[in-house]
Amino acid sequence: RSDALNRAGLAQLARGLTMLGVVHVPSKGNFLLIKVGNAARVNTELLQRGVIVRPVSNYGLPEFLRVSVGLEAQNTRFLEALKAVL
């Protein structure tokens, strides 16, 4: 069941990100890397909206955020918050 939920969540996030014009790295795991430009700013603004993602500038990817797959409602909330800050 966890695997099915994760695959559905990945698909939901990928569709939503594509609709927002956000480049993402395809994944088979439980997270996506998304390219948002100024990731530090986007991260801060998402945090102000109660959405927690992970900056990955320490991996040499200052324009990317790591987004964990959540349940459908959580993914929707993330996508709505991201749309608001982009």
PDB file of N, CA and C in Angstrom:
ATOM      1  N   ARG A   1       0.824  -1.192   0.000  1.00  0.00           N
ATOM      2  CA  ARG A   1       0.000   0.000   0.000  1.00  0.00           C
ATOM      3  C   ARG A   1       0.865   1.251   0.000  1.00  0.00           C
ATOM      4  N   SER A   2       1.958   1.243   0.774  1.00  0.00           N
ATOM      5  CA  SER A   2       2.871   2.387   0.820  1.00  0.00           C
ATOM      6  C   SER A   2       3.465   2.677  -0.549  1.00  0.00           C
ATOM      7  N   ASP A   3       3.858   1.624  -1.254  1.00  0.00           N
ATOM      8  CA  ASP A   3       4.432   1.793  -2.591  1.00  0.00           C
ATOM      9  C   ASP A   3       3.408   2.420  -3.535  1.00  0.00           C
ATOM     10  N   ALA A   4       2.167   1.954  -3.481  1.00  0.00           N
ATOM     11  CA  ALA A   4       1.118   2.506  -4.346  1.00  0.00           C
ATOM     12  C   ALA A   4       0.855   3.969  -4.015  1.00  0.00           C
ATOM     13  N   LEU A   5       0.815   4.315  -2.728  1.00  0.00           N
ATOM     14  CA  LEU A   5       0.617   5.709  -2.327  1.00  0.00           C
ATOM     15  C   LEU A   5       1.774   6.583  -2.802  1.00  0.00           C
ATOM     16  N   ASN A   6       2.986   6.070  -2.698  1.00  0.00           N
ATOM     17  CA  ASN A   6       4.154   6.835  -3.134  1.00  0.00           C
ATOM     18  C   ASN A   6       4.125   7.067  -4.643  1.00  0.00           C
ATOM     19  N   ARG A   7       3.823   6.031  -5.404  1.00  0.00           N
ATOM     20  CA  ARG A   7       3.761   6.186  -6.864  1.00  0.00           C
ATOM     21  C   ARG A   7       2.682   7.180  -7.265  1.00  0.00           C
ATOM     22  N   ALA A   8       1.529   7.118  -6.609  1.00  0.00           N
ATOM     23  CA  ALA A   8       0.452   8.067  -6.895  1.00  0.00           C
ATOM     24  C   ALA A   8       0.880   9.484  -6.516  1.00  0.00           C
ATOM     25  N   GLY A   9       1.556   9.630  -5.393  1.00  0.00           N
ATOM     26  CA  GLY A   9       2.031  10.940  -4.970  1.00  0.00           C
ATOM     27  C   GLY A   9       3.066  11.512  -5.916  1.00  0.00           C
ATOM     28  N   LEU A  10       4.005  10.681  -6.367  1.00  0.00           N
ATOM     29  CA  LEU A  10       4.992  11.131  -7.350  1.00  0.00           C
ATOM     30  C   LEU A  10       4.309  11.625  -8.616  1.00  0.00           C
ATOM     31  N   ALA A  11       3.327  10.863  -9.090  1.00  0.00           N
ATOM     32  CA  ALA A  11       2.616  11.250 -10.306  1.00  0.00           C
ATOM     33  C   ALA A  11       1.865  12.565 -10.103  1.00  0.00           C
ATOM     34  N   GLN A  12       1.211  12.717  -8.961  1.00  0.00           N
ATOM     35  CA  GLN A  12       0.476  13.947  -8.658  1.00  0.00           C
ATOM     36  C   GLN A  12       1.429  15.141  -8.644  1.00  0.00           C
ATOM     37  N   LEU A  13       2.552  15.004  -7.959  1.00  0.00           N
ATOM     38  CA  LEU A  13       3.517  16.091  -7.896  1.00  0.00           C
ATOM     39  C   LEU A  13       4.087  16.410  -9.271  1.00  0.00           C
ATOM     40  N   ALA A  14       4.439  15.386 -10.029  1.00  0.00           N
ATOM     41  CA  ALA A  14       4.998  15.609 -11.363  1.00  0.00           C
ATOM     42  C   ALA A  14       4.006  16.357 -12.255  1.00  0.00           C
ATOM     43  N   ARG A  15       2.735  15.955 -12.213  1.00  0.00           N
ATOM     44  CA  ARG A  15       1.713  16.660 -13.012  1.00  0.00           C
ATOM     45  C   ARG A  15       1.592  18.114 -12.580  1.00  0.00           C
ATOM     46  N   GLY A  16       1.510  18.323 -11.282  1.00  0.00           N
ATOM     47  CA  GLY A  16       1.361  19.681 -10.751  1.00  0.00           C
ATOM     48  C   GLY A  16       2.555  20.556 -11.077  1.00  0.00           C
ATOM     49  N   LEU A  17       3.746  20.019 -10.941  1.00  0.00           N
ATOM     50  CA  LEU A  17       4.947  20.785 -11.246  1.00  0.00           C
ATOM     51  C   LEU A  17       5.020  21.123 -12.729  1.00  0.00           C
ATOM     52  N   THR A  18       4.652  20.175 -13.565  1.00  0.00           N
ATOM     53  CA  THR A  18       4.634  20.424 -15.005  1.00  0.00           C
ATOM     54  C   THR A  18       3.650  21.538 -15.333  1.00  0.00           C
ATOM     55  N   MET A  19       2.488  21.514 -14.708  1.00  0.00           N
ATOM     56  CA  MET A  19       1.494  22.573 -14.930  1.00  0.00           C
ATOM     57  C   MET A  19       2.017  23.934 -14.483  1.00  0.00           C
ATOM     58  N   LEU A  20       2.868  23.959 -13.475  1.00  0.00           N
ATOM     59  CA  LEU A  20       3.456  25.209 -12.994  1.00  0.00           C
ATOM     60  C   LEU A  20       4.692  25.610 -13.793  1.00  0.00           C
ATOM     61  N   GLY A  21       5.134  24.741 -14.693  1.00  0.00           N
ATOM     62  CA  GLY A  21       6.337  25.020 -15.475  1.00  0.00           C
ATOM     63  C   GLY A  21       7.619  24.839 -14.690  1.00  0.00           C
ATOM     64  N   VAL A  22       7.558  24.027 -13.633  1.00  0.00           N
ATOM     65  CA  VAL A  22       8.722  23.793 -12.769  1.00  0.00           C
ATOM     66  C   VAL A  22       9.433  22.516 -13.214  1.00  0.00           C
ATOM     67  N   VAL A  23      10.712  22.653 -13.509  1.00  0.00           N
ATOM     68  CA  VAL A  23      11.526  21.502 -13.902  1.00  0.00           C
ATOM     69  C   VAL A  23      11.779  20.631 -12.681  1.00  0.00           C
ATOM     70  N   HIS A  24      11.661  19.327 -12.871  1.00  0.00           N
ATOM     71  CA  HIS A  24      11.949  18.403 -11.771  1.00  0.00           C
ATOM     72  C   HIS A  24      12.713  17.197 -12.305  1.00  0.00           C
ATOM     73  N   VAL A  25      13.461  16.578 -11.413  1.00  0.00           N
ATOM     74  CA  VAL A  25      14.216  15.383 -11.768  1.00  0.00           C
ATOM     75  C   VAL A  25      13.307  14.185 -11.544  1.00  0.00           C
ATOM     76  N   PRO A  26      13.083  13.363 -12.575  1.00  0.00           N
ATOM     77  CA  PRO A  26      12.248  12.174 -12.389  1.00  0.00           C
ATOM     78  C   PRO A  26      12.804  11.300 -11.261  1.00  0.00           C
ATOM     79  N   SER A  27      11.898  10.640 -10.546  1.00  0.00           N
ATOM     80  CA  SER A  27      12.303   9.882  -9.368  1.00  0.00           C
ATOM     81  C   SER A  27      11.555   8.568  -9.258  1.00  0.00           C
ATOM     82  N   LYS A  28      12.207   7.611  -8.662  1.00  0.00           N
ATOM     83  CA  LYS A  28      11.575   6.345  -8.290  1.00  0.00           C
ATOM     84  C   LYS A  28      11.539   6.230  -6.767  1.00  0.00           C
ATOM     85  N   GLY A  29      12.037   7.253  -6.086  1.00  0.00           N
ATOM     86  CA  GLY A  29      12.097   7.261  -4.631  1.00  0.00           C
ATOM     87  C   GLY A  29      10.885   7.937  -4.020  1.00  0.00           C
ATOM     88  N   ASN A  30      11.081   8.509  -2.848  1.00  0.00           N
ATOM     89  CA  ASN A  30       9.969   9.152  -2.145  1.00  0.00           C
ATOM     90  C   ASN A  30      10.127  10.675  -2.108  1.00  0.00           C
ATOM     91  N   PHE A  31      10.884  11.197  -3.073  1.00  0.00           N
ATOM     92  CA  PHE A  31      11.044  12.647  -3.168  1.00  0.00           C
ATOM     93  C   PHE A  31      11.367  13.037  -4.598  1.00  0.00           C
ATOM     94  N   LEU A  32      11.194  14.324  -4.869  1.00  0.00           N
ATOM     95  CA  LEU A  32      11.574  14.911  -6.157  1.00  0.00           C
ATOM     96  C   LEU A  32      12.523  16.066  -5.902  1.00  0.00           C
ATOM     97  N   LEU A  33      13.451  16.283  -6.819  1.00  0.00           N
ATOM     98  CA  LEU A  33      14.251  17.494  -6.831  1.00  0.00           C
ATOM     99  C   LEU A  33      13.591  18.443  -7.805  1.00  0.00           C
ATOM    100  N   ILE A  34      13.335  19.670  -7.344  1.00  0.00           N
ATOM    101  CA  ILE A  34      12.678  20.643  -8.209  1.00  0.00           C
ATOM    102  C   ILE A  34      13.555  21.880  -8.345  1.00  0.00           C
ATOM    103  N   LYS A  35      13.601  22.429  -9.550  1.00  0.00           N
ATOM    104  CA  LYS A  35      14.415  23.607  -9.829  1.00  0.00           C
ATOM    105  C   LYS A  35      13.533  24.842  -9.736  1.00  0.00           C
ATOM    106  N   VAL A  36      13.850  25.701  -8.765  1.00  0.00           N
ATOM    107  CA  VAL A  36      13.002  26.866  -8.509  1.00  0.00           C
ATOM    108  C   VAL A  36      13.744  28.190  -8.619  1.00  0.00           C
ATOM    109  N   GLY A  37      14.987  28.170  -9.075  1.00  0.00           N
ATOM    110  CA  GLY A  37      15.747  29.411  -9.159  1.00  0.00           C
ATOM    111  C   GLY A  37      16.373  29.733  -7.822  1.00  0.00           C
ATOM    112  N   ASN A  38      15.885  30.763  -7.167  1.00  0.00           N
ATOM    113  CA  ASN A  38      16.402  31.152  -5.861  1.00  0.00           C
ATOM    114  C   ASN A  38      15.777  30.257  -4.791  1.00  0.00           C
ATOM    115  N   ALA A  39      16.381  29.108  -4.601  1.00  0.00           N
ATOM    116  CA  ALA A  39      15.805  28.103  -3.697  1.00  0.00           C
ATOM    117  C   ALA A  39      15.750  28.584  -2.255  1.00  0.00           C
ATOM    118  N   ALA A  40      16.717  29.388  -1.837  1.00  0.00           N
ATOM    119  CA  ALA A  40      16.706  29.894  -0.459  1.00  0.00           C
ATOM    120  C   ALA A  40      15.465  30.761  -0.226  1.00  0.00           C
ATOM    121  N   ARG A  41      15.147  31.626  -1.182  1.00  0.00           N
ATOM    122  CA  ARG A  41      13.972  32.482  -1.046  1.00  0.00           C
ATOM    123  C   ARG A  41      12.693  31.659  -1.066  1.00  0.00           C
ATOM    124  N   VAL A  42      12.593  30.736  -2.017  1.00  0.00           N
ATOM    125  CA  VAL A  42      11.389  29.907  -2.131  1.00  0.00           C
ATOM    126  C   VAL A  42      11.212  29.079  -0.866  1.00  0.00           C
ATOM    127  N   ASN A  43      12.299  28.516  -0.350  1.00  0.00           N
ATOM    128  CA  ASN A  43      12.222  27.740   0.886  1.00  0.00           C
ATOM    129  C   ASN A  43      11.689  28.590   2.032  1.00  0.00           C
ATOM    130  N   THR A  44      12.222  29.787   2.183  1.00  0.00           N
ATOM    131  CA  THR A  44      11.774  30.681   3.261  1.00  0.00           C
ATOM    132  C   THR A  44      10.290  31.008   3.124  1.00  0.00           C
ATOM    133  N   GLU A  45       9.859  31.308   1.911  1.00  0.00           N
ATOM    134  CA  GLU A  45       8.450  31.654   1.708  1.00  0.00           C
ATOM    135  C   GLU A  45       7.531  30.449   1.919  1.00  0.00           C
ATOM    136  N   LEU A  46       7.996  29.259   1.557  1.00  0.00           N
ATOM    137  CA  LEU A  46       7.204  28.059   1.831  1.00  0.00           C
ATOM    138  C   LEU A  46       7.112  27.824   3.340  1.00  0.00           C
ATOM    139  N   LEU A  47       8.223  28.009   4.042  1.00  0.00           N
ATOM    140  CA  LEU A  47       8.212  27.853   5.498  1.00  0.00           C
ATOM    141  C   LEU A  47       7.217  28.811   6.144  1.00  0.00           C
ATOM    142  N   GLN A  48       7.148  30.038   5.639  1.00  0.00           N
ATOM    143  CA  GLN A  48       6.207  31.023   6.173  1.00  0.00           C
ATOM    144  C   GLN A  48       4.757  30.586   5.960  1.00  0.00           C
ATOM    145  N   ARG A  49       4.542  29.695   5.003  1.00  0.00           N
ATOM    146  CA  ARG A  49       3.208  29.151   4.729  1.00  0.00           C
ATOM    147  C   ARG A  49       3.014  27.782   5.384  1.00  0.00           C
ATOM    148  N   GLY A  50       3.969  27.379   6.211  1.00  0.00           N
ATOM    149  CA  GLY A  50       3.856  26.112   6.928  1.00  0.00           C
ATOM    150  C   GLY A  50       4.210  24.890   6.112  1.00  0.00           C
ATOM    151  N   VAL A  51       4.920  25.076   4.997  1.00  0.00           N
ATOM    152  CA  VAL A  51       5.301  23.962   4.129  1.00  0.00           C
ATOM    153  C   VAL A  51       6.812  23.772   4.255  1.00  0.00           C
ATOM    154  N   ILE A  52       7.212  22.575   4.631  1.00  0.00           N
ATOM    155  CA  ILE A  52       8.625  22.285   4.859  1.00  0.00           C
ATOM    156  C   ILE A  52       9.164  21.440   3.708  1.00  0.00           C
ATOM    157  N   VAL A  53      10.208  21.953   3.065  1.00  0.00           N
ATOM    158  CA  VAL A  53      10.964  21.228   2.046  1.00  0.00           C
ATOM    159  C   VAL A  53      12.425  21.301   2.452  1.00  0.00           C
ATOM    160  N   ARG A  54      13.293  20.693   1.680  1.00  0.00           N
ATOM    161  CA  ARG A  54      14.702  20.675   2.061  1.00  0.00           C
ATOM    162  C   ARG A  54      15.555  21.338   0.981  1.00  0.00           C
ATOM    163  N   PRO A  55      16.276  22.404   1.345  1.00  0.00           N
ATOM    164  CA  PRO A  55      17.242  22.980   0.411  1.00  0.00           C
ATOM    165  C   PRO A  55      18.399  21.993   0.206  1.00  0.00           C
ATOM    166  N   VAL A  56      18.970  21.984  -0.975  1.00  0.00           N
ATOM    167  CA  VAL A  56      20.074  21.064  -1.253  1.00  0.00           C
ATOM    168  C   VAL A  56      21.293  21.799  -1.799  1.00  0.00           C
ATOM    169  N   SER A  57      21.456  23.059  -1.393  1.00  0.00           N
ATOM    170  CA  SER A  57      22.633  23.818  -1.832  1.00  0.00           C
ATOM    171  C   SER A  57      23.921  23.174  -1.326  1.00  0.00           C
ATOM    172  N   ASN A  58      23.841  22.476  -0.195  1.00  0.00           N
ATOM    173  CA  ASN A  58      25.020  21.789   0.342  1.00  0.00           C
ATOM    174  C   ASN A  58      25.477  20.635  -0.552  1.00  0.00           C
ATOM    175  N   TYR A  59      24.643  20.230  -1.504  1.00  0.00           N
ATOM    176  CA  TYR A  59      25.011  19.220  -2.494  1.00  0.00           C
ATOM    177  C   TYR A  59      25.422  19.873  -3.813  1.00  0.00           C
ATOM    178  N   GLY A  60      25.607  21.192  -3.794  1.00  0.00           N
ATOM    179  CA  GLY A  60      25.985  21.908  -5.005  1.00  0.00           C
ATOM    180  C   GLY A  60      24.809  22.213  -5.916  1.00  0.00           C
ATOM    181  N   LEU A  61      23.600  22.230  -5.362  1.00  0.00           N
ATOM    182  CA  LEU A  61      22.385  22.469  -6.150  1.00  0.00           C
ATOM    183  C   LEU A  61      21.617  23.658  -5.565  1.00  0.00           C
ATOM    184  N   PRO A  62      22.176  24.874  -5.672  1.00  0.00           N
ATOM    185  CA  PRO A  62      21.553  26.034  -5.025  1.00  0.00           C
ATOM    186  C   PRO A  62      20.204  26.455  -5.602  1.00  0.00           C
ATOM    187  N   GLU A  63      19.853  25.953  -6.779  1.00  0.00           N
ATOM    188  CA  GLU A  63      18.581  26.315  -7.392  1.00  0.00           C
ATOM    189  C   GLU A  63      17.495  25.264  -7.161  1.00  0.00           C
ATOM    190  N   PHE A  64      17.811  24.219  -6.397  1.00  0.00           N
ATOM    191  CA  PHE A  64      16.900  23.094  -6.229  1.00  0.00           C
ATOM    192  C   PHE A  64      16.417  22.937  -4.788  1.00  0.00           C
ATOM    193  N   LEU A  65      15.241  22.350  -4.667  1.00  0.00           N
ATOM    194  CA  LEU A  65      14.680  21.932  -3.384  1.00  0.00           C
ATOM    195  C   LEU A  65      14.332  20.456  -3.471  1.00  0.00           C
ATOM    196  N   ARG A  66      14.435  19.778  -2.359  1.00  0.00           N
ATOM    197  CA  ARG A  66      14.020  18.371  -2.260  1.00  0.00           C
ATOM    198  C   ARG A  66      12.629  18.358  -1.631  1.00  0.00           C
ATOM    199  N   VAL A  67      11.696  17.752  -2.340  1.00  0.00           N
ATOM    200  CA  VAL A  67      10.300  17.718  -1.890  1.00  0.00           C
ATOM    201  C   VAL A  67       9.906  16.266  -1.641  1.00  0.00           C
ATOM    202  N   SER A  68       9.572  15.948  -0.407  1.00  0.00           N
ATOM    203  CA  SER A  68       9.122  14.595  -0.083  1.00  0.00           C
ATOM    204  C   SER A  68       7.695  14.386  -0.555  1.00  0.00           C
ATOM    205  N   VAL A  69       7.413  13.178  -0.976  1.00  0.00           N
ATOM    206  CA  VAL A  69       6.064  12.812  -1.394  1.00  0.00           C
ATOM    207  C   VAL A  69       5.192  12.676  -0.152  1.00  0.00           C
ATOM    208  N   GLY A  70       4.021  13.269  -0.196  1.00  0.00           N
ATOM    209  CA  GLY A  70       3.076  13.149   0.898  1.00  0.00           C
ATOM    210  C   GLY A  70       1.797  12.489   0.427  1.00  0.00           C
ATOM    211  N   LEU A  71       0.797  12.577   1.259  1.00  0.00           N
ATOM    212  CA  LEU A  71      -0.531  12.118   0.866  1.00  0.00           C
ATOM    213  C   LEU A  71      -1.141  13.137  -0.081  1.00  0.00           C
ATOM    214  N   GLU A  72      -2.209  12.780  -0.749  1.00  0.00           N
ATOM    215  CA  GLU A  72      -2.805  13.636  -1.776  1.00  0.00           C
ATOM    216  C   GLU A  72      -3.061  15.058  -1.284  1.00  0.00           C
ATOM    217  N   ALA A  73      -3.665  15.204  -0.120  1.00  0.00           N
ATOM    218  CA  ALA A  73      -3.975  16.536   0.404  1.00  0.00           C
ATOM    219  C   ALA A  73      -2.698  17.320   0.721  1.00  0.00           C
ATOM    220  N   GLN A  74      -1.681  16.645   1.212  1.00  0.00           N
ATOM    221  CA  GLN A  74      -0.414  17.306   1.518  1.00  0.00           C
ATOM    222  C   GLN A  74       0.271  17.774   0.233  1.00  0.00           C
ATOM    223  N   ASN A  75       0.248  16.932  -0.781  1.00  0.00           N
ATOM    224  CA  ASN A  75       0.839  17.301  -2.068  1.00  0.00           C
ATOM    225  C   ASN A  75       0.104  18.494  -2.673  1.00  0.00           C
ATOM    226  N   THR A  76      -1.205  18.494  -2.564  1.00  0.00           N
ATOM    227  CA  THR A  76      -2.001  19.604  -3.075  1.00  0.00           C
ATOM    228  C   THR A  76      -1.643  20.889  -2.347  1.00  0.00           C
ATOM    229  N   ARG A  77      -1.522  20.815  -1.044  1.00  0.00           N
ATOM    230  CA  ARG A  77      -1.165  21.998  -0.257  1.00  0.00           C
ATOM    231  C   ARG A  77       0.197  22.529  -0.669  1.00  0.00           C
ATOM    232  N   PHE A  78       1.164  21.634  -0.867  1.00  0.00           N
ATOM    233  CA  PHE A  78       2.488  22.046  -1.313  1.00  0.00           C
ATOM    234  C   PHE A  78       2.398  22.746  -2.661  1.00  0.00           C
ATOM    235  N   LEU A  79       1.696  22.143  -3.615  1.00  0.00           N
ATOM    236  CA  LEU A  79       1.618  22.721  -4.966  1.00  0.00           C
ATOM    237  C   LEU A  79       0.947  24.090  -4.936  1.00  0.00           C
ATOM    238  N   GLU A  80      -0.079  24.251  -4.111  1.00  0.00           N
ATOM    239  CA  GLU A  80      -0.752  25.546  -3.997  1.00  0.00           C
ATOM    240  C   GLU A  80       0.194  26.590  -3.404  1.00  0.00           C
ATOM    241  N   ALA A  81       0.947  26.211  -2.377  1.00  0.00           N
ATOM    242  CA  ALA A  81       1.890  27.134  -1.753  1.00  0.00           C
ATOM    243  C   ALA A  81       2.997  27.489  -2.729  1.00  0.00           C
ATOM    244  N   LEU A  82       3.496  26.515  -3.458  1.00  0.00           N
ATOM    245  CA  LEU A  82       4.550  26.769  -4.427  1.00  0.00           C
ATOM    246  C   LEU A  82       4.070  27.737  -5.503  1.00  0.00           C
ATOM    247  N   LYS A  83       2.871  27.518  -5.983  1.00  0.00           N
ATOM    248  CA  LYS A  83       2.309  28.413  -7.007  1.00  0.00           C
ATOM    249  C   LYS A  83       2.257  29.849  -6.475  1.00  0.00           C
ATOM    250  N   ALA A  84       1.912  30.010  -5.228  1.00  0.00           N
ATOM    251  CA  ALA A  84       1.803  31.346  -4.631  1.00  0.00           C
ATOM    252  C   ALA A  84       3.151  32.040  -4.504  1.00  0.00           C
ATOM    253  N   VAL A  85       4.222  31.295  -4.295  1.00  0.00           N
ATOM    254  CA  VAL A  85       5.527  31.932  -4.072  1.00  0.00           C
ATOM    255  C   VAL A  85       6.365  32.082  -5.335  1.00  0.00           C
ATOM    256  N   LEU A  86       5.985  31.385  -6.380  1.00  0.00           N
ATOM    257  CA  LEU A  86       6.780  31.498  -7.628  1.00  0.00           C
ATOM    258  C   LEU A  86       6.471  32.767  -8.383  1.00  0.00           C
TER     259      LEU A  86
END
